[in-house]
């Protein structure tokens, strides 16, 4: 009778587990970077599409349309943080705030795992634009706005959406002044 047993010895099993642990240790940091890069790419795509939508609505309705950071589409935020959500509404009374009678044209949640802000840095609320008003001609009143997208841990290269007064939207690694974004701690 042939006594041939199939299986692994304890030593072979430990070697396989050790190799798997080493490979996982090498792969996990690059996986978290990939996730952060994907979140930034998704966030910039979402905001750029909302900007294009707002501009298109202003032209189609022949009326001013406002894009602003907002929570659940109820009111524009007064801070320079855009990571809670973005809303678009027709501003019929030109007060740059959404009143109850004004139609909400769109709202999109932003990825809360990102730091999304306008201004020089996340804490500079004084001189940063908190909303964009598109005219019926499709232009954006005011000065060029740069909205920065940063991963909270700073593990990836930040991205910047720049909206010029002409209504042109572009993606960059620098703000409208040519500076690299400061994402903060």
Protein backbone atom coordinates (compact mmCIF):
# COMPACT_ATOMS: atom_id res chain seq x y z
CA UNK A 1 0.00 0.00 0.00
CA UNK A 2 1.31 3.45 -1.07
CA UNK A 3 1.31 5.94 1.75
CA UNK A 4 1.60 9.21 -0.18
CA UNK A 5 0.16 12.18 1.68
CA UNK A 6 -0.46 15.52 0.03
CA UNK A 7 -0.21 18.73 1.98
CA UNK A 8 2.06 21.44 3.27
CA UNK A 9 4.47 21.35 6.10
CA UNK A 10 4.34 24.05 8.74
CA UNK A 11 7.56 25.55 7.40
CA UNK A 12 6.15 25.82 3.85
CA UNK A 13 2.97 27.44 5.17
CA UNK A 14 4.97 30.01 7.18
CA UNK A 15 7.03 30.90 4.11
CA UNK A 16 3.87 31.47 2.02
CA UNK A 17 2.27 33.61 4.75
CA UNK A 18 5.50 35.65 5.11
CA UNK A 19 5.73 36.32 1.38
CA UNK A 20 2.05 37.33 1.27
CA UNK A 21 2.56 39.73 4.19
CA UNK A 22 5.57 41.34 2.49
CA UNK A 23 3.66 41.79 -0.77
CA UNK A 24 0.67 43.29 1.08
CA UNK A 25 2.96 45.73 2.89
CA UNK A 26 4.40 46.90 -0.42
CA UNK A 27 1.04 47.08 -2.22
CA UNK A 28 -1.12 48.85 0.41
CA UNK A 29 0.58 52.28 0.38
CA UNK A 30 0.35 52.48 -3.40
CA UNK A 31 -3.28 51.39 -3.19
CA UNK A 32 -4.13 54.23 -0.79
CA UNK A 33 -2.41 56.69 -3.14
CA UNK A 34 -4.46 55.31 -6.02
CA UNK A 35 -7.67 55.76 -4.00
CA UNK A 36 -6.73 59.37 -3.12
CA UNK A 37 -5.89 60.18 -6.76
CA UNK A 38 -9.20 58.68 -7.89
CA UNK A 39 -11.10 60.76 -5.34
CA UNK A 40 -9.42 63.95 -6.55
CA UNK A 41 -10.10 63.07 -10.19
CA UNK A 42 -13.76 62.30 -9.40
CA UNK A 43 -14.15 65.52 -7.40
CA UNK A 44 -12.72 67.73 -10.13
CA UNK A 45 -14.93 66.02 -12.69
CA UNK A 46 -18.04 66.56 -10.55
CA UNK A 47 -17.36 70.24 -9.95
CA UNK A 48 -16.37 70.93 -13.57
CA UNK A 49 -19.59 69.29 -14.80
CA UNK A 50 -21.65 71.41 -12.38
CA UNK A 51 -19.86 74.55 -13.61
CA UNK A 52 -20.63 73.63 -17.23
CA UNK A 53 -24.24 72.87 -16.29
CA UNK A 54 -24.66 76.24 -14.53
CA UNK A 55 -23.18 78.12 -17.46
CA UNK A 56 -25.41 76.26 -19.92
CA UNK A 57 -28.50 76.99 -17.80
CA UNK A 58 -27.68 80.71 -17.67
CA UNK A 59 -27.47 80.87 -21.45
CA UNK A 60 -30.54 78.68 -22.05
CA UNK A 61 -32.72 80.56 -19.53
CA UNK A 62 -31.32 83.99 -20.46
CA UNK A 63 -31.03 84.69 -16.73
CA UNK A 64 -28.29 84.78 -14.09
CA UNK A 65 -27.53 81.39 -12.58
CA UNK A 66 -25.52 80.98 -9.38
CA UNK A 67 -23.20 78.11 -8.46
CA UNK A 68 -22.14 77.91 -4.83
CA UNK A 69 -21.04 75.50 -2.13
CA UNK A 70 -24.09 74.36 -0.23
CA UNK A 71 -25.38 71.71 2.07
CA UNK A 72 -28.29 69.63 0.74
CA UNK A 73 -29.24 72.34 -1.74
CA UNK A 74 -30.83 74.61 0.86
CA UNK A 75 -28.48 77.61 1.09
CA UNK A 76 -25.10 78.79 -0.10
CA UNK A 77 -22.31 78.30 2.40
CA UNK A 78 -20.52 81.38 3.68
CA UNK A 79 -17.15 79.65 4.00
CA UNK A 80 -14.68 78.88 1.25
CA UNK A 81 -15.15 75.11 1.67
CA UNK A 82 -16.72 73.33 -1.29
CA UNK A 83 -16.48 69.74 -0.01
CA UNK A 84 -20.04 69.40 1.36
CA UNK A 85 -21.82 69.87 -1.93
CA UNK A 86 -22.42 72.21 -4.86
CA UNK A 87 -25.75 73.73 -5.82
CA UNK A 88 -26.99 75.60 -8.89
CA UNK A 89 -30.03 77.89 -8.90
CA UNK A 90 -31.59 80.60 -11.03
CA UNK A 91 -31.06 83.88 -9.20
CA UNK A 92 -34.15 85.79 -10.30
CA UNK A 93 -33.77 88.66 -7.81
CA UNK A 94 -29.96 89.00 -8.28
CA UNK A 95 -29.16 88.80 -4.55
CA UNK A 96 -26.71 85.87 -4.98
CA UNK A 97 -28.67 83.83 -2.40
CA UNK A 98 -31.23 81.12 -3.01
CA UNK A 99 -34.62 82.26 -1.84
CA UNK A 100 -37.58 79.92 -1.45
CA UNK A 101 -39.19 81.08 -4.70
CA UNK A 102 -36.03 80.43 -6.73
CA UNK A 103 -35.76 77.09 -8.47
CA UNK A 104 -32.98 74.72 -7.50
CA UNK A 105 -31.58 73.54 -10.83
CA UNK A 106 -29.06 71.06 -9.48
CA UNK A 107 -27.25 69.78 -6.42
CA UNK A 108 -24.34 67.34 -6.20
CA UNK A 109 -22.67 65.99 -3.10
CA UNK A 110 -18.91 66.26 -3.10
CA UNK A 111 -16.56 63.65 -1.71
CA UNK A 112 -16.14 64.40 1.99
CA UNK A 113 -12.81 62.58 1.99
CA UNK A 114 -11.29 65.58 0.19
CA UNK A 115 -10.41 69.10 1.19
CA UNK A 116 -12.02 71.32 -1.45
CA UNK A 117 -11.63 75.07 -1.03
CA UNK A 118 -11.24 78.38 -2.83
CA UNK A 119 -8.73 80.99 -1.72
CA UNK A 120 -5.04 80.80 -0.92
CA UNK A 121 -5.41 78.13 1.75
CA UNK A 122 -8.23 76.26 3.52
CA UNK A 123 -8.44 78.84 6.31
CA UNK A 124 -8.48 82.02 4.18
CA UNK A 125 -12.17 82.82 4.15
CA UNK A 126 -11.85 86.59 3.77
CA UNK A 127 -10.68 87.05 0.20
CA UNK A 128 -11.98 83.91 -1.46
CA UNK A 129 -14.98 83.63 -3.74
CA UNK A 130 -17.84 81.71 -2.24
CA UNK A 131 -20.08 81.64 -5.32
CA UNK A 132 -20.01 82.08 -9.07
CA UNK A 133 -22.73 83.93 -10.98
CA UNK A 134 -23.01 83.12 -14.67
CA UNK A 135 -24.60 85.81 -16.83
CA UNK A 136 -26.98 85.07 -19.72
CA UNK A 137 -23.94 85.51 -22.00
CA UNK A 138 -22.20 82.59 -20.24
CA UNK A 139 -19.53 84.71 -18.57
CA UNK A 140 -18.67 84.54 -14.87
CA UNK A 141 -18.74 87.88 -13.11
CA UNK A 142 -15.91 88.81 -10.75
CA UNK A 143 -12.35 87.60 -10.83
CA UNK A 144 -10.90 84.22 -11.78
CA UNK A 145 -11.68 81.57 -9.17
CA UNK A 146 -9.35 78.70 -8.33
CA UNK A 147 -10.82 75.78 -6.40
CA UNK A 148 -8.29 73.39 -4.92
CA UNK A 149 -8.71 69.65 -4.32
CA UNK A 150 -6.43 68.09 -1.70
CA UNK A 151 -6.29 64.71 -0.04
CA UNK A 152 -6.60 65.11 3.74
CA UNK A 153 -3.32 63.35 4.41
CA UNK A 154 -1.43 65.15 1.63
CA UNK A 155 -0.45 61.85 0.03
CA UNK A 156 -1.17 62.93 -3.54
CA UNK A 157 -0.57 65.87 -5.82
CA UNK A 158 -3.42 68.42 -5.42
CA UNK A 159 -5.50 69.52 -8.39
CA UNK A 160 -7.00 72.92 -9.15
CA UNK A 161 -10.05 73.88 -11.22
CA UNK A 162 -9.70 77.38 -12.62
CA UNK A 163 -12.78 79.22 -13.86
CA UNK A 164 -12.00 82.37 -15.81
CA UNK A 165 -14.34 85.31 -16.30
CA UNK A 166 -15.00 84.20 -19.87
CA UNK A 167 -16.55 81.00 -18.49
CA UNK A 168 -13.61 78.84 -19.54
CA UNK A 169 -12.87 75.96 -17.15
CA UNK A 170 -9.49 74.28 -16.96
CA UNK A 171 -7.73 71.79 -14.72
CA UNK A 172 -4.22 72.54 -13.45
CA UNK A 173 -1.72 71.75 -10.73
CA UNK A 174 -1.41 75.50 -9.98
CA UNK A 175 -3.94 78.19 -9.14
CA UNK A 176 -4.88 81.13 -11.38
CA UNK A 177 -1.86 83.11 -10.09
CA UNK A 178 0.56 80.33 -11.00
CA UNK A 179 1.16 79.20 -7.40
CA UNK A 180 1.11 75.59 -6.22
CA UNK A 181 -1.82 75.05 -3.86
CA UNK A 182 -1.23 75.06 -0.12
CA UNK A 183 -3.28 72.24 1.33
CA UNK A 184 -2.41 72.80 4.97
CA UNK A 185 -1.87 70.19 7.67
